[in-house]
PDB file of N, CA and C in Angstrom:
ATOM      1  N   UNK A   1     139.203 219.466  70.046  1.00  0.00           N
ATOM      2  CA  UNK A   1     138.094 220.296  70.422  1.00  0.00           C
ATOM      3  C   UNK A   1     137.418 219.731  71.660  1.00  0.00           C
ATOM      4  N   UNK A   2     137.013 220.607  72.540  1.00  0.00           N
ATOM      5  CA  UNK A   2     136.322 220.172  73.726  1.00  0.00           C
ATOM      6  C   UNK A   2     134.857 219.908  73.455  1.00  0.00           C
ATOM      7  N   UNK A   3     134.201 219.391  74.465  1.00  0.00           N
ATOM      8  CA  UNK A   3     132.780 219.060  74.326  1.00  0.00           C
ATOM      9  C   UNK A   3     131.955 220.295  74.024  1.00  0.00           C
ATOM     10  N   UNK A   4     132.244 221.407  74.699  1.00  0.00           N
ATOM     11  CA  UNK A   4     131.470 222.631  74.492  1.00  0.00           C
ATOM     12  C   UNK A   4     131.667 223.183  73.081  1.00  0.00           C
ATOM     13  N   UNK A   5     132.907 223.113  72.567  1.00  0.00           N
ATOM     14  CA  UNK A   5     133.168 223.598  71.215  1.00  0.00           C
ATOM     15  C   UNK A   5     132.443 222.746  70.182  1.00  0.00           C
ATOM     16  N   UNK A   6     132.427 221.422  70.397  1.00  0.00           N
ATOM     17  CA  UNK A   6     131.715 220.540  69.476  1.00  0.00           C
ATOM     18  C   UNK A   6     130.216 220.823  69.506  1.00  0.00           C
ATOM     19  N   UNK A   7     129.705 221.097  70.684  1.00  0.00           N
ATOM     20  CA  UNK A   7     128.281 221.411  70.808  1.00  0.00           C
ATOM     21  C   UNK A   7     127.953 222.704  70.070  1.00  0.00           C
ATOM     22  N   UNK A   8     128.832 223.693  70.172  1.00  0.00           N
ATOM     23  CA  UNK A   8     128.611 224.955  69.488  1.00  0.00           C
ATOM     24  C   UNK A   8     128.663 224.750  67.973  1.00  0.00           C
ATOM     25  N   UNK A   9     129.621 223.973  67.497  1.00  0.00           N
ATOM     26  CA  UNK A   9     129.750 223.703  66.065  1.00  0.00           C
ATOM     27  C   UNK A   9     128.514 222.966  65.562  1.00  0.00           C
ATOM     28  N   UNK A  10     128.047 221.988  66.318  1.00  0.00           N
ATOM     29  CA  UNK A  10     126.852 221.258  65.913  1.00  0.00           C
ATOM     30  C   UNK A  10     125.631 222.165  65.896  1.00  0.00           C
ATOM     31  N   UNK A  11     125.546 223.061  66.864  1.00  0.00           N
ATOM     32  CA  UNK A  11     124.423 223.989  66.908  1.00  0.00           C
ATOM     33  C   UNK A  11     124.443 224.931  65.707  1.00  0.00           C
ATOM     34  N   UNK A  12     125.614 225.436  65.357  1.00  0.00           N
ATOM     35  CA  UNK A  12     125.736 226.333  64.206  1.00  0.00           C
ATOM     36  C   UNK A  12     125.409 225.583  62.914  1.00  0.00           C
ATOM     37  N   UNK A  13     125.921 224.344  62.784  1.00  0.00           N
ATOM     38  CA  UNK A  13     125.603 223.545  61.597  1.00  0.00           C
ATOM     39  C   UNK A  13     124.111 223.282  61.501  1.00  0.00           C
ATOM     40  N   UNK A  14     123.488 222.998  62.619  1.00  0.00           N
ATOM     41  CA  UNK A  14     122.050 222.787  62.636  1.00  0.00           C
ATOM     42  C   UNK A  14     121.300 224.042  62.206  1.00  0.00           C
ATOM     43  N   UNK A  15     121.761 225.200  62.674  1.00  0.00           N
ATOM     44  CA  UNK A  15     121.127 226.456  62.278  1.00  0.00           C
ATOM     45  C   UNK A  15     121.273 226.704  60.782  1.00  0.00           C
ATOM     46  N   UNK A  16     122.448 226.421  60.231  1.00  0.00           N
ATOM     47  CA  UNK A  16     122.645 226.609  58.796  1.00  0.00           C
ATOM     48  C   UNK A  16     121.769 225.656  57.984  1.00  0.00           C
ATOM     49  N   UNK A  17     121.608 224.423  58.467  1.00  0.00           N
ATOM     50  CA  UNK A  17     120.717 223.501  57.780  1.00  0.00           C
ATOM     51  C   UNK A  17     119.289 224.013  57.818  1.00  0.00           C
ATOM     52  N   UNK A  18     118.863 224.525  58.977  1.00  0.00           N
ATOM     53  CA  UNK A  18     117.514 225.075  59.081  1.00  0.00           C
ATOM     54  C   UNK A  18     117.329 226.271  58.155  1.00  0.00           C
ATOM     55  N   UNK A  19     118.350 227.123  58.063  1.00  0.00           N
ATOM     56  CA  UNK A  19     118.270 228.272  57.162  1.00  0.00           C
ATOM     57  C   UNK A  19     118.186 227.840  55.707  1.00  0.00           C
ATOM     58  N   UNK A  20     118.932 226.820  55.334  1.00  0.00           N
ATOM     59  CA  UNK A  20     118.876 226.363  53.947  1.00  0.00           C
ATOM     60  C   UNK A  20     117.518 225.749  53.625  1.00  0.00           C
ATOM     61  N   UNK A  21     116.956 225.017  54.573  1.00  0.00           N
ATOM     62  CA  UNK A  21     115.613 224.460  54.370  1.00  0.00           C
ATOM     63  C   UNK A  21     114.586 225.580  54.249  1.00  0.00           C
ATOM     64  N   UNK A  22     114.696 226.595  55.102  1.00  0.00           N
ATOM     65  CA  UNK A  22     113.760 227.716  55.046  1.00  0.00           C
ATOM     66  C   UNK A  22     113.901 228.489  53.741  1.00  0.00           C
ATOM     67  N   UNK A  23     115.136 228.695  53.279  1.00  0.00           N
ATOM     68  CA  UNK A  23     115.343 229.402  52.012  1.00  0.00           C
ATOM     69  C   UNK A  23     114.783 228.596  50.848  1.00  0.00           C
ATOM     70  N   UNK A  24     114.956 227.294  50.894  1.00  0.00           N
ATOM     71  CA  UNK A  24     114.415 226.437  49.841  1.00  0.00           C
ATOM     72  C   UNK A  24     112.889 226.503  49.823  1.00  0.00           C
ATOM     73  N   UNK A  25     112.282 226.436  50.989  1.00  0.00           N
ATOM     74  CA  UNK A  25     110.828 226.522  51.066  1.00  0.00           C
ATOM     75  C   UNK A  25     110.336 227.895  50.623  1.00  0.00           C
ATOM     76  N   UNK A  26     111.060 228.953  50.979  1.00  0.00           N
ATOM     77  CA  UNK A  26     110.689 230.297  50.551  1.00  0.00           C
ATOM     78  C   UNK A  26     110.730 230.406  49.038  1.00  0.00           C
ATOM     79  N   UNK A  27     111.783 229.878  48.435  1.00  0.00           N
ATOM     80  CA  UNK A  27     111.890 229.920  46.976  1.00  0.00           C
ATOM     81  C   UNK A  27     110.743 229.146  46.333  1.00  0.00           C
ATOM     82  N   UNK A  28     110.407 227.994  46.877  1.00  0.00           N
ATOM     83  CA  UNK A  28     109.286 227.219  46.333  1.00  0.00           C
ATOM     84  C   UNK A  28     107.972 227.982  46.460  1.00  0.00           C
ATOM     85  N   UNK A  29     107.754 228.631  47.585  1.00  0.00           N
ATOM     86  CA  UNK A  29     106.522 229.390  47.774  1.00  0.00           C
ATOM     87  C   UNK A  29     106.471 230.605  46.856  1.00  0.00           C
ATOM     88  N   UNK A  30     107.613 231.246  46.639  1.00  0.00           N
ATOM     89  CA  UNK A  30     107.650 232.402  45.739  1.00  0.00           C
ATOM     90  C   UNK A  30     107.271 231.971  44.336  1.00  0.00           C
ATOM     91  N   UNK A  31     107.788 230.842  43.893  1.00  0.00           N
ATOM     92  CA  UNK A  31     107.463 230.345  42.562  1.00  0.00           C
ATOM     93  C   UNK A  31     105.977 230.012  42.476  1.00  0.00           C
ATOM     94  N   UNK A  32     105.429 229.419  43.509  1.00  0.00           N
ATOM     95  CA  UNK A  32     104.009 229.064  43.510  1.00  0.00           C
ATOM     96  C   UNK A  32     103.111 230.299  43.544  1.00  0.00           C
ATOM     97  N   UNK A  33     103.536 231.382  44.241  1.00  0.00           N
ATOM     98  CA  UNK A  33     102.669 232.541  44.413  1.00  0.00           C
ATOM     99  C   UNK A  33     102.566 233.432  43.182  1.00  0.00           C
ATOM    100  N   UNK A  34     103.507 233.389  42.306  1.00  0.00           N
ATOM    101  CA  UNK A  34     103.346 234.254  41.160  1.00  0.00           C
ATOM    102  C   UNK A  34     104.559 234.337  40.283  1.00  0.00           C
ATOM    103  N   UNK A  35     105.477 233.477  40.509  1.00  0.00           N
ATOM    104  CA  UNK A  35     106.614 233.424  39.620  1.00  0.00           C
ATOM    105  C   UNK A  35     107.484 234.664  39.683  1.00  0.00           C
ATOM    106  N   UNK A  36     107.828 235.168  38.518  1.00  0.00           N
ATOM    107  CA  UNK A  36     108.829 236.222  38.407  1.00  0.00           C
ATOM    108  C   UNK A  36     108.326 237.550  38.980  1.00  0.00           C
ATOM    109  N   UNK A  37     107.064 237.863  38.807  1.00  0.00           N
ATOM    110  CA  UNK A  37     106.542 239.150  39.289  1.00  0.00           C
ATOM    111  C   UNK A  37     106.675 239.311  40.789  1.00  0.00           C
ATOM    112  N   UNK A  38     106.221 238.324  41.525  1.00  0.00           N
ATOM    113  CA  UNK A  38     106.330 238.393  42.976  1.00  0.00           C
ATOM    114  C   UNK A  38     107.781 238.284  43.411  1.00  0.00           C
ATOM    115  N   UNK A  39     108.545 237.426  42.726  1.00  0.00           N
ATOM    116  CA  UNK A  39     109.948 237.255  43.075  1.00  0.00           C
ATOM    117  C   UNK A  39     110.738 238.540  42.889  1.00  0.00           C
ATOM    118  N   UNK A  40     110.452 239.270  41.807  1.00  0.00           N
ATOM    119  CA  UNK A  40     111.171 240.518  41.555  1.00  0.00           C
ATOM    120  C   UNK A  40     110.845 241.549  42.622  1.00  0.00           C
ATOM    121  N   UNK A  41     109.582 241.644  43.008  1.00  0.00           N
ATOM    122  CA  UNK A  41     109.229 242.618  44.039  1.00  0.00           C
ATOM    123  C   UNK A  41     109.801 242.209  45.395  1.00  0.00           C
ATOM    124  N   UNK A  42     109.848 240.909  45.652  1.00  0.00           N
ATOM    125  CA  UNK A  42     110.415 240.425  46.909  1.00  0.00           C
ATOM    126  C   UNK A  42     111.908 240.734  46.974  1.00  0.00           C
ATOM    127  N   UNK A  43     112.624 240.449  45.889  1.00  0.00           N
ATOM    128  CA  UNK A  43     114.059 240.729  45.878  1.00  0.00           C
ATOM    129  C   UNK A  43     114.324 242.228  45.858  1.00  0.00           C
ATOM    130  N   UNK A  44     113.405 243.012  45.297  1.00  0.00           N
ATOM    131  CA  UNK A  44     113.519 244.465  45.384  1.00  0.00           C
ATOM    132  C   UNK A  44     113.404 244.929  46.828  1.00  0.00           C
ATOM    133  N   UNK A  45     112.503 244.311  47.580  1.00  0.00           N
ATOM    134  CA  UNK A  45     112.368 244.627  48.999  1.00  0.00           C
ATOM    135  C   UNK A  45     113.638 244.268  49.761  1.00  0.00           C
ATOM    136  N   UNK A  46     114.191 243.113  49.468  1.00  0.00           N
ATOM    137  CA  UNK A  46     115.446 242.702  50.116  1.00  0.00           C
ATOM    138  C   UNK A  46     116.559 243.684  49.777  1.00  0.00           C
ATOM    139  N   UNK A  47     116.636 244.119  48.509  1.00  0.00           N
ATOM    140  CA  UNK A  47     117.667 245.080  48.103  1.00  0.00           C
ATOM    141  C   UNK A  47     117.475 246.416  48.808  1.00  0.00           C
ATOM    142  N   UNK A  48     116.234 246.854  48.976  1.00  0.00           N
ATOM    143  CA  UNK A  48     115.967 248.116  49.668  1.00  0.00           C
ATOM    144  C   UNK A  48     116.380 248.023  51.141  1.00  0.00           C
ATOM    145  N   UNK A  49     116.084 246.917  51.779  1.00  0.00           N
ATOM    146  CA  UNK A  49     116.474 246.727  53.177  1.00  0.00           C
ATOM    147  C   UNK A  49     117.996 246.706  53.304  1.00  0.00           C
ATOM    148  N   UNK A  50     118.668 246.033  52.366  1.00  0.00           N
ATOM    149  CA  UNK A  50     120.134 245.993  52.398  1.00  0.00           C
ATOM    150  C   UNK A  50     120.715 247.389  52.199  1.00  0.00           C
ATOM    151  N   UNK A  51     120.125 248.181  51.306  1.00  0.00           N
ATOM    152  CA  UNK A  51     120.615 249.543  51.077  1.00  0.00           C
ATOM    153  C   UNK A  51     120.431 250.401  52.326  1.00  0.00           C
ATOM    154  N   UNK A  52     119.291 250.251  52.998  1.00  0.00           N
ATOM    155  CA  UNK A  52     119.070 251.015  54.229  1.00  0.00           C
ATOM    156  C   UNK A  52     120.060 250.605  55.308  1.00  0.00           C
ATOM    157  N   UNK A  53     120.377 249.325  55.375  1.00  0.00           N
ATOM    158  CA  UNK A  53     121.351 248.834  56.349  1.00  0.00           C
ATOM    159  C   UNK A  53     122.723 249.433  56.081  1.00  0.00           C
ATOM    160  N   UNK A  54     123.126 249.471  54.812  1.00  0.00           N
ATOM    161  CA  UNK A  54     124.429 250.042  54.460  1.00  0.00           C
ATOM    162  C   UNK A  54     124.457 251.530  54.782  1.00  0.00           C
ATOM    163  N   UNK A  55     123.388 252.239  54.463  1.00  0.00           N
ATOM    164  CA  UNK A  55     123.338 253.667  54.773  1.00  0.00           C
ATOM    165  C   UNK A  55     123.383 253.910  56.275  1.00  0.00           C
ATOM    166  N   UNK A  56     122.715 253.073  57.040  1.00  0.00           N
ATOM    167  CA  UNK A  56     122.733 253.207  58.491  1.00  0.00           C
ATOM    168  C   UNK A  56     124.136 252.980  59.038  1.00  0.00           C
ATOM    169  N   UNK A  57     124.825 251.947  58.514  1.00  0.00           N
ATOM    170  CA  UNK A  57     126.201 251.709  58.947  1.00  0.00           C
ATOM    171  C   UNK A  57     127.103 252.876  58.567  1.00  0.00           C
ATOM    172  N   UNK A  58     126.893 253.428  57.369  1.00  0.00           N
ATOM    173  CA  UNK A  58     127.678 254.572  56.933  1.00  0.00           C
ATOM    174  C   UNK A  58     127.416 255.765  57.851  1.00  0.00           C
ATOM    175  N   UNK A  59     126.156 255.939  58.260  1.00  0.00           N
ATOM    176  CA  UNK A  59     125.800 257.023  59.159  1.00  0.00           C
ATOM    177  C   UNK A  59     126.498 256.862  60.512  1.00  0.00           C
ATOM    178  N   UNK A  60     126.633 255.622  60.973  1.00  0.00           N
ATOM    179  CA  UNK A  60     127.296 255.373  62.251  1.00  0.00           C
ATOM    180  C   UNK A  60     128.817 255.476  62.142  1.00  0.00           C
ATOM    181  N   UNK A  61     129.388 255.015  61.017  1.00  0.00           N
ATOM    182  CA  UNK A  61     130.840 254.945  60.899  1.00  0.00           C
ATOM    183  C   UNK A  61     131.475 256.246  60.430  1.00  0.00           C
ATOM    184  N   UNK A  62     130.734 257.085  59.728  1.00  0.00           N
ATOM    185  CA  UNK A  62     131.329 258.298  59.172  1.00  0.00           C
ATOM    186  C   UNK A  62     131.917 259.208  60.242  1.00  0.00           C
ATOM    187  N   UNK A  63     131.211 259.525  61.320  1.00  0.00           N
ATOM    188  CA  UNK A  63     131.835 260.384  62.341  1.00  0.00           C
ATOM    189  C   UNK A  63     133.084 259.755  62.957  1.00  0.00           C
ATOM    190  N   UNK A  64     133.073 258.452  63.153  1.00  0.00           N
ATOM    191  CA  UNK A  64     134.224 257.763  63.714  1.00  0.00           C
ATOM    192  C   UNK A  64     135.419 257.858  62.769  1.00  0.00           C
ATOM    193  N   UNK A  65     135.180 257.629  61.476  1.00  0.00           N
ATOM    194  CA  UNK A  65     136.272 257.680  60.508  1.00  0.00           C
ATOM    195  C   UNK A  65     136.821 259.097  60.363  1.00  0.00           C
ATOM    196  N   UNK A  66     135.944 260.093  60.387  1.00  0.00           N
ATOM    197  CA  UNK A  66     136.413 261.471  60.307  1.00  0.00           C
ATOM    198  C   UNK A  66     137.247 261.822  61.533  1.00  0.00           C
ATOM    199  N   UNK A  67     136.777 261.431  62.698  1.00  0.00           N
ATOM    200  CA  UNK A  67     137.511 261.683  63.932  1.00  0.00           C
ATOM    201  C   UNK A  67     138.873 260.990  63.896  1.00  0.00           C
ATOM    202  N   UNK A  68     138.898 259.757  63.407  1.00  0.00           N
ATOM    203  CA  UNK A  68     140.141 259.009  63.327  1.00  0.00           C
ATOM    204  C   UNK A  68     141.122 259.673  62.371  1.00  0.00           C
ATOM    205  N   UNK A  69     140.640 260.172  61.244  1.00  0.00           N
ATOM    206  CA  UNK A  69     141.549 260.819  60.296  1.00  0.00           C
ATOM    207  C   UNK A  69     142.105 262.115  60.868  1.00  0.00           C
ATOM    208  N   UNK A  70     141.285 262.865  61.599  1.00  0.00           N
ATOM    209  CA  UNK A  70     141.767 264.110  62.201  1.00  0.00           C
ATOM    210  C   UNK A  70     142.814 263.802  63.273  1.00  0.00           C
ATOM    211  N   UNK A  71     142.550 262.814  64.093  1.00  0.00           N
ATOM    212  CA  UNK A  71     143.489 262.456  65.163  1.00  0.00           C
ATOM    213  C   UNK A  71     144.812 261.970  64.579  1.00  0.00           C
ATOM    214  N   UNK A  72     144.764 261.144  63.548  1.00  0.00           N
ATOM    215  CA  UNK A  72     146.015 260.645  62.981  1.00  0.00           C
ATOM    216  C   UNK A  72     146.822 261.758  62.334  1.00  0.00           C
ATOM    217  N   UNK A  73     146.155 262.702  61.665  1.00  0.00           N
ATOM    218  CA  UNK A  73     146.879 263.834  61.080  1.00  0.00           C
ATOM    219  C   UNK A  73     147.506 264.688  62.184  1.00  0.00           C
ATOM    220  N   UNK A  74     146.763 264.896  63.252  1.00  0.00           N
ATOM    221  CA  UNK A  74     147.282 265.694  64.364  1.00  0.00           C
ATOM    222  C   UNK A  74     148.490 265.014  65.006  1.00  0.00           C
ATOM    223  N   UNK A  75     148.354 263.715  65.256  1.00  0.00           N
ATOM    224  CA  UNK A  75     149.462 262.992  65.884  1.00  0.00           C
ATOM    225  C   UNK A  75     150.690 262.950  64.968  1.00  0.00           C
ATOM    226  N   UNK A  76     150.464 262.787  63.705  1.00  0.00           N
ATOM    227  CA  UNK A  76     151.583 262.741  62.761  1.00  0.00           C
ATOM    228  C   UNK A  76     152.304 264.085  62.713  1.00  0.00           C
ATOM    229  N   UNK A  77     151.537 265.168  62.722  1.00  0.00           N
ATOM    230  CA  UNK A  77     152.191 266.476  62.653  1.00  0.00           C
ATOM    231  C   UNK A  77     152.808 266.866  64.001  1.00  0.00           C
ATOM    232  N   UNK A  78     152.176 266.488  65.100  1.00  0.00           N
ATOM    233  CA  UNK A  78     152.707 266.889  66.402  1.00  0.00           C
ATOM    234  C   UNK A  78     153.917 266.057  66.804  1.00  0.00           C
ATOM    235  N   UNK A  79     153.936 264.775  66.421  1.00  0.00           N
ATOM    236  CA  UNK A  79     155.065 263.927  66.770  1.00  0.00           C
ATOM    237  C   UNK A  79     156.168 263.988  65.718  1.00  0.00           C
ATOM    238  N   UNK A  80     155.831 264.537  64.559  1.00  0.00           N
ATOM    239  CA  UNK A  80     156.782 264.800  63.473  1.00  0.00           C
ATOM    240  C   UNK A  80     157.549 263.535  63.098  1.00  0.00           C
ATOM    241  N   UNK A  81     156.778 262.526  62.656  1.00  0.00           N
ATOM    242  CA  UNK A  81     157.380 261.265  62.244  1.00  0.00           C
ATOM    243  C   UNK A  81     158.091 261.365  60.900  1.00  0.00           C
ATOM    244  N   UNK A  82     157.851 262.420  60.157  1.00  0.00           N
ATOM    245  CA  UNK A  82     158.418 262.508  58.814  1.00  0.00           C
ATOM    246  C   UNK A  82     159.916 262.802  58.827  1.00  0.00           C
ATOM    247  N   UNK A  83     160.475 263.272  59.936  1.00  0.00           N
ATOM    248  CA  UNK A  83     161.918 263.575  59.983  1.00  0.00           C
ATOM    249  C   UNK A  83     162.731 262.365  60.302  1.00  0.00           C
TER     250      UNK A  83
END
């Protein structure tokens, strides 16, 4: 590995360590703020955001996938690969 690749790997590892520390501190604060009640509502918020993200991706990918299926059917029938 070159110097730049090692620097990138170290930077990514450092970021993951920072994320784990932040997640640990978040969990500790959630427990301190109200235990299960606050934690359940917080994780419900995370689940809602994840669901919106998936729906948004589906909204973006659906036209592409439909277009791709139409094009492949057209190409298959026009080039007549089945013979």
